């Protein structure tokens, strides 16, 4: 059977082999936005594919995606990207992140042919996707981008945030842009999310998705929308922003308005944070939470 080559979303980013440490107790876990995001939006009925890079020894980790119905295009790399996320259970909002390995930059040949309604660039760290590849993808169709993978830079045994040198040129090619509060402030100098969104739109993106611990803020078509995160616990904190952004863009591709997509992103992300790993719930679960907020 021929592989399907038409998708709603094609997500581009490193699949990660992370180490999660809570109160000194560590465990290995799959990670990366292509992992958390693709599994979540597939549950919402979005036709999603993943283009990624990792060491061949870790290819079996991709079976989890395929078994759920996600199409996977994997390129072999000399290592599998990994990040150690260190938490204190008393405050799962804050974490210390350490780089473990890096799978190298994406090449043009790592990106499958065919078509997608949106190309979602979701790197873990700077160096995965360069400006030239971003432009190539933008020539194929609308591009969404998580700016984390352009400003989070490995430096020794730490990850530091640095301004993106090519920001003005790069953002001119973006339709959907995601940043968290700290990244938005780094890029714009604004501590107020709405003012930061206005500044970012000035570079070219049509819709801005900003996350913080309390919820998601969307700026689109000159209007601001917000939806809360109200999880009962934070055991599934890792992957929060990845889930939120993929859900927002997935709903937009499916025909939802920015306001509705924002509400769905807030609800799915709320449910995701209550369980470790990707969100594996049902549409009915999200609809029930949205009704309770009405």
Protein backbone atom coordinates (compact mmCIF):
# COMPACT_ATOMS: atom_id res chain seq x y z
CA UNK A 1 0.00 0.00 0.00
CA UNK A 2 1.32 3.43 -0.92
CA UNK A 3 2.09 5.72 1.98
CA UNK A 4 -0.29 8.60 2.42
CA UNK A 5 1.44 11.80 1.33
CA UNK A 6 -1.23 14.39 1.99
CA UNK A 7 -1.52 15.60 5.58
CA UNK A 8 -3.19 18.24 7.65
CA UNK A 9 0.01 18.77 9.67
CA UNK A 10 3.58 17.78 8.97
CA UNK A 11 5.55 18.23 12.19
CA UNK A 12 9.32 18.69 11.89
CA UNK A 13 11.52 18.29 14.96
CA UNK A 14 13.75 15.90 16.85
CA UNK A 15 12.21 12.96 18.64
CA UNK A 16 13.86 12.94 22.06
CA UNK A 17 15.04 10.36 24.54
CA UNK A 18 14.69 12.44 27.68
CA UNK A 19 15.46 11.88 31.31
CA UNK A 20 12.84 13.11 33.78
CA UNK A 21 14.01 13.64 37.35
CA UNK A 22 11.50 14.38 40.12
CA UNK A 23 12.78 14.74 43.68
CA UNK A 24 16.04 13.04 42.67
CA UNK A 25 14.36 9.99 41.10
CA UNK A 26 15.00 9.71 37.37
CA UNK A 27 13.53 7.74 34.48
CA UNK A 28 13.97 7.64 30.72
CA UNK A 29 11.03 8.88 28.65
CA UNK A 30 10.24 9.61 25.02
CA UNK A 31 9.78 13.30 24.35
CA UNK A 32 9.87 16.19 21.96
CA UNK A 33 7.09 18.23 20.41
CA UNK A 34 6.73 15.74 17.55
CA UNK A 35 5.91 13.10 20.20
CA UNK A 36 3.56 15.02 22.49
CA UNK A 37 1.97 17.07 19.72
CA UNK A 38 1.36 14.43 17.08
CA UNK A 39 -0.29 11.96 19.44
CA UNK A 40 -2.59 14.65 20.83
CA UNK A 41 -3.80 16.02 17.49
CA UNK A 42 -4.25 12.53 16.04
CA UNK A 43 -6.75 11.90 18.83
CA UNK A 44 -8.59 15.00 17.59
CA UNK A 45 -8.93 13.56 14.08
CA UNK A 46 -6.07 15.50 12.48
CA UNK A 47 -4.09 13.74 9.72
CA UNK A 48 -0.59 14.20 11.09
CA UNK A 49 2.88 13.13 10.00
CA UNK A 50 6.25 13.52 11.68
CA UNK A 51 9.65 14.14 10.10
CA UNK A 52 12.42 13.51 12.61
CA UNK A 53 16.03 12.50 13.20
CA UNK A 54 17.38 10.02 15.76
CA UNK A 55 19.87 7.20 16.21
CA UNK A 56 18.79 3.94 14.49
CA UNK A 57 19.00 2.10 17.83
CA UNK A 58 16.08 4.24 18.99
CA UNK A 59 13.91 3.75 15.90
CA UNK A 60 11.72 1.24 17.85
CA UNK A 61 10.57 4.15 20.01
CA UNK A 62 8.74 5.47 16.96
CA UNK A 63 6.47 2.42 16.92
CA UNK A 64 4.34 4.12 19.56
CA UNK A 65 3.50 6.85 17.06
CA UNK A 66 2.82 4.45 14.20
CA UNK A 67 0.57 2.28 16.33
CA UNK A 68 -1.59 5.34 17.01
CA UNK A 69 -1.83 6.12 13.29
CA UNK A 70 0.83 8.83 12.95
CA UNK A 71 2.86 8.65 9.74
CA UNK A 72 6.59 8.78 10.57
CA UNK A 73 9.54 9.73 8.36
CA UNK A 74 12.76 9.09 10.29
CA UNK A 75 16.30 9.95 9.21
CA UNK A 76 19.24 8.20 10.91
CA UNK A 77 21.51 10.35 13.05
CA UNK A 78 24.67 9.74 15.07
CA UNK A 79 22.76 10.35 18.31
CA UNK A 80 19.23 10.82 19.62
CA UNK A 81 18.53 14.24 21.06
CA UNK A 82 17.83 14.19 24.77
CA UNK A 83 17.18 16.66 27.56
CA UNK A 84 17.24 16.06 31.28
CA UNK A 85 14.32 17.83 32.97
CA UNK A 86 14.80 18.17 36.73
CA UNK A 87 11.76 19.00 38.89
CA UNK A 88 10.88 19.38 42.53
CA UNK A 89 7.44 17.84 43.07
CA UNK A 90 6.46 20.75 45.29
CA UNK A 91 6.70 23.04 42.26
CA UNK A 92 6.37 21.19 38.94
CA UNK A 93 6.12 24.56 37.21
CA UNK A 94 9.86 25.11 37.43
CA UNK A 95 12.51 22.87 35.99
CA UNK A 96 16.21 22.72 35.27
CA UNK A 97 17.01 21.50 31.74
CA UNK A 98 20.31 19.92 30.69
CA UNK A 99 21.22 18.78 27.15
CA UNK A 100 22.18 15.12 26.85
CA UNK A 101 22.73 14.60 23.09
CA UNK A 102 21.90 16.17 19.73
CA UNK A 103 20.73 14.48 16.51
CA UNK A 104 22.07 17.16 14.19
CA UNK A 105 20.54 19.58 11.72
CA UNK A 106 17.71 18.64 9.40
CA UNK A 107 18.60 18.40 5.72
CA UNK A 108 16.24 19.00 2.81
CA UNK A 109 16.20 15.26 2.06
CA UNK A 110 14.90 14.55 5.58
CA UNK A 111 11.61 16.25 4.72
CA UNK A 112 9.14 14.04 2.80
CA UNK A 113 7.45 15.13 -0.39
CA UNK A 114 3.72 15.40 -0.72
CA UNK A 115 1.69 18.20 0.77
CA UNK A 116 0.52 19.45 4.14
CA UNK A 117 -1.94 22.16 5.04
CA UNK A 118 0.55 23.44 7.63
CA UNK A 119 4.24 22.65 8.14
CA UNK A 120 4.81 22.79 11.89
CA UNK A 121 8.45 23.42 12.82
CA UNK A 122 8.89 22.33 16.44
CA UNK A 123 12.59 21.94 17.29
CA UNK A 124 13.82 21.24 20.80
CA UNK A 125 16.96 23.35 20.61
CA UNK A 126 18.67 25.77 18.25
CA UNK A 127 20.51 24.16 15.35
CA UNK A 128 17.84 21.70 14.23
CA UNK A 129 16.29 23.89 11.53
CA UNK A 130 18.13 26.69 9.77
CA UNK A 131 16.76 29.71 7.93
CA UNK A 132 17.23 28.14 4.51
CA UNK A 133 15.10 25.10 5.37
CA UNK A 134 12.47 27.33 6.99
CA UNK A 135 12.20 29.26 3.71
CA UNK A 136 11.94 26.05 1.70
CA UNK A 137 9.04 24.88 3.83
CA UNK A 138 7.33 28.28 3.60
CA UNK A 139 7.49 27.99 -0.20
CA UNK A 140 5.47 24.77 0.07
CA UNK A 141 2.72 26.12 2.32
CA UNK A 142 1.82 27.87 5.59
CA UNK A 143 4.35 27.36 8.38
CA UNK A 144 3.85 27.20 12.12
CA UNK A 145 6.86 27.53 14.41
CA UNK A 146 7.72 27.15 18.07
CA UNK A 147 10.39 29.78 18.67
CA UNK A 148 11.85 27.67 21.50
CA UNK A 149 13.88 25.73 18.95
CA UNK A 150 15.57 28.90 17.74
CA UNK A 151 16.37 30.65 21.04
CA UNK A 152 17.14 27.68 23.36
CA UNK A 153 20.86 27.10 22.84
CA UNK A 154 23.03 24.30 24.27
CA UNK A 155 25.99 25.81 26.07
CA UNK A 156 28.18 23.33 27.90
CA UNK A 157 26.00 21.27 30.22
CA UNK A 158 23.16 23.80 30.27
CA UNK A 159 20.53 25.25 27.96
CA UNK A 160 20.47 29.04 27.75
CA UNK A 161 18.14 31.43 25.95
CA UNK A 162 19.69 33.76 23.41
CA UNK A 163 18.17 36.16 20.87
CA UNK A 164 17.57 34.64 17.42
CA UNK A 165 19.91 36.40 15.01
CA UNK A 166 17.70 35.77 11.98
CA UNK A 167 14.43 36.58 13.76
CA UNK A 168 13.27 39.44 11.51
CA UNK A 169 13.88 37.50 8.31
CA UNK A 170 12.63 34.20 9.71
CA UNK A 171 9.37 35.44 11.21
CA UNK A 172 8.42 37.04 7.90
CA UNK A 173 7.71 33.50 6.65
CA UNK A 174 5.61 32.32 9.60
CA UNK A 175 1.82 32.03 9.84
CA UNK A 176 1.47 30.54 13.35
CA UNK A 177 4.05 31.46 16.01
CA UNK A 178 4.28 29.97 19.49
CA UNK A 179 6.34 31.26 22.42
CA UNK A 180 6.12 31.01 26.18
CA UNK A 181 6.15 34.03 28.46
CA UNK A 182 9.94 34.07 28.93
CA UNK A 183 10.62 33.66 25.21
CA UNK A 184 8.14 36.40 24.30
CA UNK A 185 9.87 38.77 26.70
CA UNK A 186 13.30 37.82 25.33
CA UNK A 187 12.21 38.55 21.75
CA UNK A 188 10.22 41.74 22.37
CA UNK A 189 11.31 43.17 25.71
CA UNK A 190 7.64 43.22 26.74
CA UNK A 191 6.43 41.60 29.97
CA UNK A 192 2.76 42.05 29.04
CA UNK A 193 1.67 39.19 26.79
CA UNK A 194 -0.73 41.22 24.68
CA UNK A 195 1.88 43.90 23.98
CA UNK A 196 4.41 41.17 23.19
CA UNK A 197 1.95 39.61 20.73
CA UNK A 198 1.44 42.97 19.00
CA UNK A 199 5.20 43.33 18.60
CA UNK A 200 5.58 39.81 17.20
CA UNK A 201 2.78 40.26 14.66
CA UNK A 202 4.74 43.22 13.33
CA UNK A 203 7.40 40.81 12.08
CA UNK A 204 4.92 38.96 9.87
CA UNK A 205 3.22 36.06 11.71
CA UNK A 206 -0.57 36.08 11.36
CA UNK A 207 -1.43 34.36 14.65
CA UNK A 208 0.50 34.34 17.92
CA UNK A 209 0.13 31.61 20.56
CA UNK A 210 1.65 32.50 23.93
CA UNK A 211 1.70 30.12 26.89
CA UNK A 212 2.29 30.54 30.59
CA UNK A 213 1.49 28.43 33.64
CA UNK A 214 -2.05 29.81 33.95
CA UNK A 215 -3.14 29.32 30.34
CA UNK A 216 -2.83 30.26 26.68
CA UNK A 217 -3.21 33.65 25.02
CA UNK A 218 -3.89 33.91 21.27
CA UNK A 219 -3.65 37.07 19.18
CA UNK A 220 -5.26 36.78 15.74
CA UNK A 221 -7.05 39.14 13.36
CA UNK A 222 -6.51 42.05 15.73
CA UNK A 223 -8.23 40.32 18.63
CA UNK A 224 -6.98 38.61 21.78
CA UNK A 225 -8.38 35.34 23.13
CA UNK A 226 -7.50 33.49 26.32
CA UNK A 227 -8.16 30.06 27.79
CA UNK A 228 -7.08 28.76 31.20
CA UNK A 229 -5.10 25.70 32.21
CA UNK A 230 -6.92 24.19 35.21
CA UNK A 231 -5.36 20.76 35.81
CA UNK A 232 -6.11 18.88 39.02
CA UNK A 233 -2.39 18.06 39.26
CA UNK A 234 0.82 18.66 37.31
CA UNK A 235 2.14 15.11 36.98
CA UNK A 236 2.06 15.54 33.19
CA UNK A 237 3.73 18.96 33.14
CA UNK A 238 6.38 17.98 30.56
CA UNK A 239 5.03 18.51 27.04
CA UNK A 240 2.51 21.18 28.03
CA UNK A 241 3.49 23.80 25.44
CA UNK A 242 3.97 21.17 22.72
CA UNK A 243 0.44 19.87 23.26
CA UNK A 244 -1.04 23.36 23.38
CA UNK A 245 0.51 24.59 20.14
CA UNK A 246 -0.20 21.44 18.14
CA UNK A 247 -3.81 21.43 19.34
CA UNK A 248 -4.30 25.07 18.40
CA UNK A 249 -2.91 24.68 14.88
CA UNK A 250 -4.65 21.33 14.41
CA UNK A 251 -8.02 22.85 15.24
CA UNK A 252 -7.36 25.83 12.97
CA UNK A 253 -6.55 23.47 10.09
CA UNK A 254 -9.80 21.61 10.86
CA UNK A 255 -11.76 24.82 10.39
CA UNK A 256 -12.09 26.19 13.92
CA UNK A 257 -11.93 29.94 14.50
CA UNK A 258 -8.97 31.32 16.49
CA UNK A 259 -11.27 31.73 19.50
CA UNK A 260 -12.53 28.15 19.33
CA UNK A 261 -9.04 26.76 18.68
CA UNK A 262 -7.78 28.67 21.71
CA UNK A 263 -10.50 27.15 23.91
CA UNK A 264 -9.68 23.65 22.68
CA UNK A 265 -5.95 24.20 23.22
CA UNK A 266 -6.63 25.28 26.80
CA UNK A 267 -8.86 22.29 27.48
CA UNK A 268 -6.65 19.60 25.91
CA UNK A 269 -3.59 21.01 27.66
CA UNK A 270 -5.44 21.02 30.98
CA UNK A 271 -6.23 17.31 30.61
CA UNK A 272 -2.73 16.48 29.37
CA UNK A 273 -1.09 17.92 32.48
CA UNK A 274 -3.00 15.51 34.72
CA UNK A 275 -1.22 12.42 33.32
CA UNK A 276 2.44 11.85 32.40
CA UNK A 277 3.12 11.27 28.73
CA UNK A 278 1.11 12.41 25.71
CA UNK A 279 -2.59 13.18 25.95
CA UNK A 280 -4.50 10.01 25.05
CA UNK A 281 -8.02 11.08 25.92
CA UNK A 282 -11.14 11.33 23.81
CA UNK A 283 -12.83 14.23 22.08
CA UNK A 284 -15.76 13.70 24.44
CA UNK A 285 -13.47 14.40 27.41
CA UNK A 286 -12.54 17.77 25.94
CA UNK A 287 -16.13 18.62 25.07
CA UNK A 288 -17.19 17.84 28.64
CA UNK A 289 -14.54 20.17 30.05
CA UNK A 290 -15.51 22.92 27.62
CA UNK A 291 -19.17 22.60 28.62
CA UNK A 292 -18.22 22.94 32.27
CA UNK A 293 -16.49 26.23 31.43
CA UNK A 294 -19.35 27.67 29.43
